[in-house]
C-alpha atoms as a PDB file:
ATOM      1  CA  MET A   1      30.133 -34.369   0.996  1.00  0.00           C
ATOM      2  CA  ASN A   2      30.735 -32.484  -2.246  1.00  0.00           C
ATOM      3  CA  ARG A   3      27.691 -34.165  -3.814  1.00  0.00           C
ATOM      4  CA  THR A   4      25.502 -32.986  -0.952  1.00  0.00           C
ATOM      5  CA  LEU A   5      26.821 -29.449  -1.282  1.00  0.00           C
ATOM      6  CA  LEU A   6      26.338 -29.550  -5.047  1.00  0.00           C
ATOM      7  CA  LYS A   7      22.781 -30.844  -4.573  1.00  0.00           C
ATOM      8  CA  TYR A   8      21.875 -28.007  -2.181  1.00  0.00           C
ATOM      9  CA  ALA A   9      23.564 -25.401  -4.380  1.00  0.00           C
ATOM     10  CA  SER A  10      21.570 -26.669  -7.383  1.00  0.00           C
ATOM     11  CA  ILE A  11      18.318 -26.508  -5.428  1.00  0.00           C
ATOM     12  CA  PHE A  12      19.180 -22.982  -4.256  1.00  0.00           C
ATOM     13  CA  PHE A  13      19.847 -21.744  -7.803  1.00  0.00           C
ATOM     14  CA  VAL A  14      16.677 -23.344  -9.169  1.00  0.00           C
ATOM     15  CA  CYS A  15      14.671 -21.640  -6.416  1.00  0.00           C
ATOM     16  CA  LEU A  16      16.442 -18.330  -7.038  1.00  0.00           C
ATOM     17  CA  ILE A  17      15.706 -18.460 -10.760  1.00  0.00           C
ATOM     18  CA  GLY A  18      12.093 -19.321  -9.952  1.00  0.00           C
ATOM     19  CA  LEU A  19      11.772 -16.329  -7.654  1.00  0.00           C
ATOM     20  CA  ILE A  20      13.281 -13.982 -10.223  1.00  0.00           C
ATOM     21  CA  ALA A  21      10.996 -15.332 -12.944  1.00  0.00           C
ATOM     22  CA  CYS A  22       7.909 -14.952 -10.737  1.00  0.00           C
ATOM     23  CA  LYS A  23       8.686 -11.367  -9.724  1.00  0.00           C
ATOM     24  CA  PRO A  24       5.777  -9.283 -10.979  1.00  0.00           C
ATOM     25  CA  LYS A  25       6.774  -6.807 -13.649  1.00  0.00           C
ATOM     26  CA  VAL A  26       5.749  -3.238 -12.890  1.00  0.00           C
ATOM     27  CA  GLU A  27       3.734  -2.062 -15.833  1.00  0.00           C
ATOM     28  CA  ARG A  28       4.271   1.446 -17.161  1.00  0.00           C
ATOM     29  CA  PRO A  29       1.305   3.719 -17.747  1.00  0.00           C
ATOM     30  CA  HIS A  30       0.160   3.546 -21.363  1.00  0.00           C
ATOM     31  CA  THR A  31      -1.069   7.116 -21.859  1.00  0.00           C
ATOM     32  CA  ALA A  32       0.278  10.601 -21.274  1.00  0.00           C
ATOM     33  CA  LEU A  33      -2.521  11.330 -18.798  1.00  0.00           C
ATOM     34  CA  ASP A  34      -1.887   8.146 -16.793  1.00  0.00           C
ATOM     35  CA  THR A  35       1.853   8.839 -16.766  1.00  0.00           C
ATOM     36  CA  GLY A  36       1.202  12.351 -15.490  1.00  0.00           C
ATOM     37  CA  ARG A  37      -1.213  11.141 -12.829  1.00  0.00           C
ATOM     38  CA  VAL A  38       1.144   8.477 -11.506  1.00  0.00           C
ATOM     39  CA  PHE A  39       4.037  10.955 -11.491  1.00  0.00           C
ATOM     40  CA  ILE A  40       2.035  13.652  -9.683  1.00  0.00           C
ATOM     41  CA  ARG A  41       0.796  11.253  -7.011  1.00  0.00           C
ATOM     42  CA  ALA A  42       4.260   9.731  -6.492  1.00  0.00           C
ATOM     43  CA  SER A  43       5.826  13.193  -6.225  1.00  0.00           C
ATOM     44  CA  LEU A  44       3.266  14.300  -3.641  1.00  0.00           C
ATOM     45  CA  ASP A  45       3.823  11.097  -1.679  1.00  0.00           C
ATOM     46  CA  GLY A  46       7.610  11.400  -1.753  1.00  0.00           C
ATOM     47  CA  ASP A  47       7.733   8.099  -3.670  1.00  0.00           C
ATOM     48  CA  PHE A  48      10.779   9.083  -5.679  1.00  0.00           C
ATOM     49  CA  LYS A  49      11.485   5.592  -6.995  1.00  0.00           C
ATOM     50  CA  THR A  50       8.141   5.489  -8.805  1.00  0.00           C
ATOM     51  CA  ALA A  51       8.475   9.085  -9.997  1.00  0.00           C
ATOM     52  CA  GLU A  52      12.029   8.544 -11.264  1.00  0.00           C
ATOM     53  CA  ASN A  53      10.888   5.514 -13.268  1.00  0.00           C
ATOM     54  CA  LEU A  54       8.661   7.909 -15.242  1.00  0.00           C
ATOM     55  CA  LEU A  55      11.227  10.698 -15.574  1.00  0.00           C
ATOM     56  CA  LEU A  56      12.751  11.524 -18.945  1.00  0.00           C
ATOM     57  CA  LYS A  57      16.407  10.619 -18.604  1.00  0.00           C
ATOM     58  CA  ASP A  58      17.988  13.821 -19.855  1.00  0.00           C
ATOM     59  CA  SER A  59      20.511  15.716 -17.753  1.00  0.00           C
ATOM     60  CA  GLU A  60      18.322  18.765 -17.091  1.00  0.00           C
ATOM     61  CA  SER A  61      15.275  16.738 -16.003  1.00  0.00           C
ATOM     62  CA  VAL A  62      17.375  14.545 -13.733  1.00  0.00           C
ATOM     63  CA  GLN A  63      19.179  17.538 -12.215  1.00  0.00           C
ATOM     64  CA  LEU A  64      15.946  19.441 -11.542  1.00  0.00           C
ATOM     65  CA  PHE A  65      14.265  16.371 -10.089  1.00  0.00           C
ATOM     66  CA  ASP A  66      17.252  15.880  -7.773  1.00  0.00           C
ATOM     67  CA  ARG A  67      16.713  19.478  -6.587  1.00  0.00           C
ATOM     68  CA  TYR A  68      13.030  18.729  -6.003  1.00  0.00           C
ATOM     69  CA  LYS A  69      13.961  15.664  -3.925  1.00  0.00           C
ATOM     70  CA  LEU A  70      16.320  17.804  -1.826  1.00  0.00           C
ATOM     71  CA  TYR A  71      13.545  20.352  -1.314  1.00  0.00           C
ATOM     72  CA  TYR A  72      11.051  17.645  -0.332  1.00  0.00           C
ATOM     73  CA  ASN A  73      13.479  15.998   2.079  1.00  0.00           C
ATOM     74  CA  ARG A  74      14.165  19.341   3.815  1.00  0.00           C
ATOM     75  CA  ILE A  75      10.549  20.251   4.511  1.00  0.00           C
ATOM     76  CA  SER A  76       8.980  19.441   7.854  1.00  0.00           C
ATOM     77  CA  ASP A  77       7.190  16.184   8.588  1.00  0.00           C
ATOM     78  CA  VAL A  78       3.949  18.148   8.851  1.00  0.00           C
ATOM     79  CA  GLU A  79       4.409  19.531   5.325  1.00  0.00           C
ATOM     80  CA  LYS A  80       5.242  16.054   4.005  1.00  0.00           C
ATOM     81  CA  LYS A  81       2.076  14.736   5.622  1.00  0.00           C
ATOM     82  CA  ASN A  82       0.116  17.565   3.990  1.00  0.00           C
ATOM     83  CA  PHE A  83       1.567  16.716   0.571  1.00  0.00           C
ATOM     84  CA  LYS A  84       0.810  13.009   1.059  1.00  0.00           C
ATOM     85  CA  SER A  85      -2.771  13.675   2.095  1.00  0.00           C
ATOM     86  CA  ALA A  86      -3.345  16.264  -0.639  1.00  0.00           C
ATOM     87  CA  ASP A  87      -5.751  15.552  -3.426  1.00  0.00           C
ATOM     88  CA  TYR A  88      -4.816  16.703  -6.893  1.00  0.00           C
ATOM     89  CA  MET A  89      -7.010  17.855  -9.726  1.00  0.00           C
ATOM     90  CA  ILE A  90      -6.283  17.988 -13.440  1.00  0.00           C
ATOM     91  CA  ASN A  91      -7.300  21.492 -14.512  1.00  0.00           C
ATOM     92  CA  LYS A  92      -6.404  21.195 -18.166  1.00  0.00           C
ATOM     93  CA  TYR A  93      -5.022  18.500 -20.424  1.00  0.00           C
ATOM     94  CA  SER A  94      -3.576  19.651 -23.726  1.00  0.00           C
ATOM     95  CA  ASP A  95      -2.154  17.447 -26.473  1.00  0.00           C
ATOM     96  CA  GLU A  96       0.371  19.703 -28.195  1.00  0.00           C
ATOM     97  CA  ASN A  97       0.968  17.006 -30.820  1.00  0.00           C
ATOM     98  CA  ASP A  98       1.046  13.194 -30.969  1.00  0.00           C
ATOM     99  CA  SER A  99       4.104  12.997 -28.707  1.00  0.00           C
ATOM    100  CA  THR A 100       3.798  15.982 -26.343  1.00  0.00           C
ATOM    101  CA  THR A 101       1.169  16.702 -23.709  1.00  0.00           C
ATOM    102  CA  ILE A 102       0.920  19.484 -21.142  1.00  0.00           C
ATOM    103  CA  ILE A 103      -0.978  18.701 -17.937  1.00  0.00           C
ATOM    104  CA  ASN A 104      -2.054  21.635 -15.795  1.00  0.00           C
ATOM    105  CA  TYR A 105      -2.948  20.520 -12.281  1.00  0.00           C
ATOM    106  CA  SER A 106      -3.199  21.732  -8.732  1.00  0.00           C
ATOM    107  CA  ASN A 107      -3.137  20.019  -5.386  1.00  0.00           C
ATOM    108  CA  SER A 108      -5.211  20.788  -2.327  1.00  0.00           C
ATOM    109  CA  PHE A 109      -2.157  21.617  -0.198  1.00  0.00           C
ATOM    110  CA  ILE A 110      -0.437  24.253  -2.357  1.00  0.00           C
ATOM    111  CA  ASN A 111      -3.650  25.104  -4.196  1.00  0.00           C
ATOM    112  CA  ARG A 112      -2.090  26.813  -7.204  1.00  0.00           C
ATOM    113  CA  PRO A 113      -1.894  25.660 -10.818  1.00  0.00           C
ATOM    114  CA  MET A 114       1.274  23.884 -11.945  1.00  0.00           C
ATOM    115  CA  GLU A 115       2.183  22.161 -15.177  1.00  0.00           C
ATOM    116  CA  ILE A 116       4.129  19.136 -16.252  1.00  0.00           C
ATOM    117  CA  LYS A 117       5.106  18.119 -19.749  1.00  0.00           C
ATOM    118  CA  VAL A 118       4.790  14.499 -20.809  1.00  0.00           C
ATOM    119  CA  VAL A 119       6.586  13.345 -23.953  1.00  0.00           C
ATOM    120  CA  LYS A 120       6.506  10.122 -25.916  1.00  0.00           C
ATOM    121  CA  THR A 121       9.950   8.702 -26.609  1.00  0.00           C
ATOM    122  CA  GLY A 122      10.757   5.179 -27.692  1.00  0.00           C
ATOM    123  CA  GLY A 123       7.087   4.194 -27.517  1.00  0.00           C
ATOM    124  CA  ASP A 124       6.706   5.173 -23.826  1.00  0.00           C
ATOM    125  CA  TRP A 125       5.470   8.325 -22.105  1.00  0.00           C
ATOM    126  CA  TRP A 126       7.966  10.207 -19.904  1.00  0.00           C
ATOM    127  CA  VAL A 127       7.759  13.312 -17.720  1.00  0.00           C
ATOM    128  CA  ASP A 128      10.033  16.064 -19.027  1.00  0.00           C
ATOM    129  CA  PHE A 129      10.817  17.647 -15.673  1.00  0.00           C
ATOM    130  CA  SER A 130      12.907  20.388 -17.306  1.00  0.00           C
ATOM    131  CA  TYR A 131       9.586  21.974 -18.307  1.00  0.00           C
ATOM    132  CA  ILE A 132       9.077  23.033 -14.691  1.00  0.00           C
ATOM    133  CA  SER A 133      12.068  25.377 -14.875  1.00  0.00           C
ATOM    134  CA  SER A 134       9.508  28.036 -15.774  1.00  0.00           C
ATOM    135  CA  GLY A 135       9.027  28.306 -12.015  1.00  0.00           C
ATOM    136  CA  ASN A 136       5.977  26.267 -11.362  1.00  0.00           C
ATOM    137  CA  LEU A 137       7.383  23.951  -8.670  1.00  0.00           C
ATOM    138  CA  PRO A 138       9.333  24.837  -5.535  1.00  0.00           C
ATOM    139  CA  LEU A 139      12.965  23.836  -5.905  1.00  0.00           C
ATOM    140  CA  ASN A 140      14.737  26.033  -3.364  1.00  0.00           C
END
């Protein structure tokens, strides 16, 4: 009986390893503009997992993004639907240097310009959410 159990356990682990190996890897955006676009869309959609994967992992950015999530989760279902159905438009794209980009955008729901800062760290582009502390996103 132990051989049968061992046989099934071996088959289970081989299958498990196969499933893990076949799991598609989520590819990060390769440019500042693509990173900004994915982050903006995810934030409008309330897809915080995707947005957080693009967030610069410094304490201020994380803390402010947590406040944004609280704000988003408190708004009405109608407002969430409006954010999700909103289109966004890039108004201005400015490379400050080779590792910092400012993206000015607006969405069709709020319809006012906002900015995000995208920085290159460790070879990848990240959204520096602390840049929004200038008051360009609702956090209350």
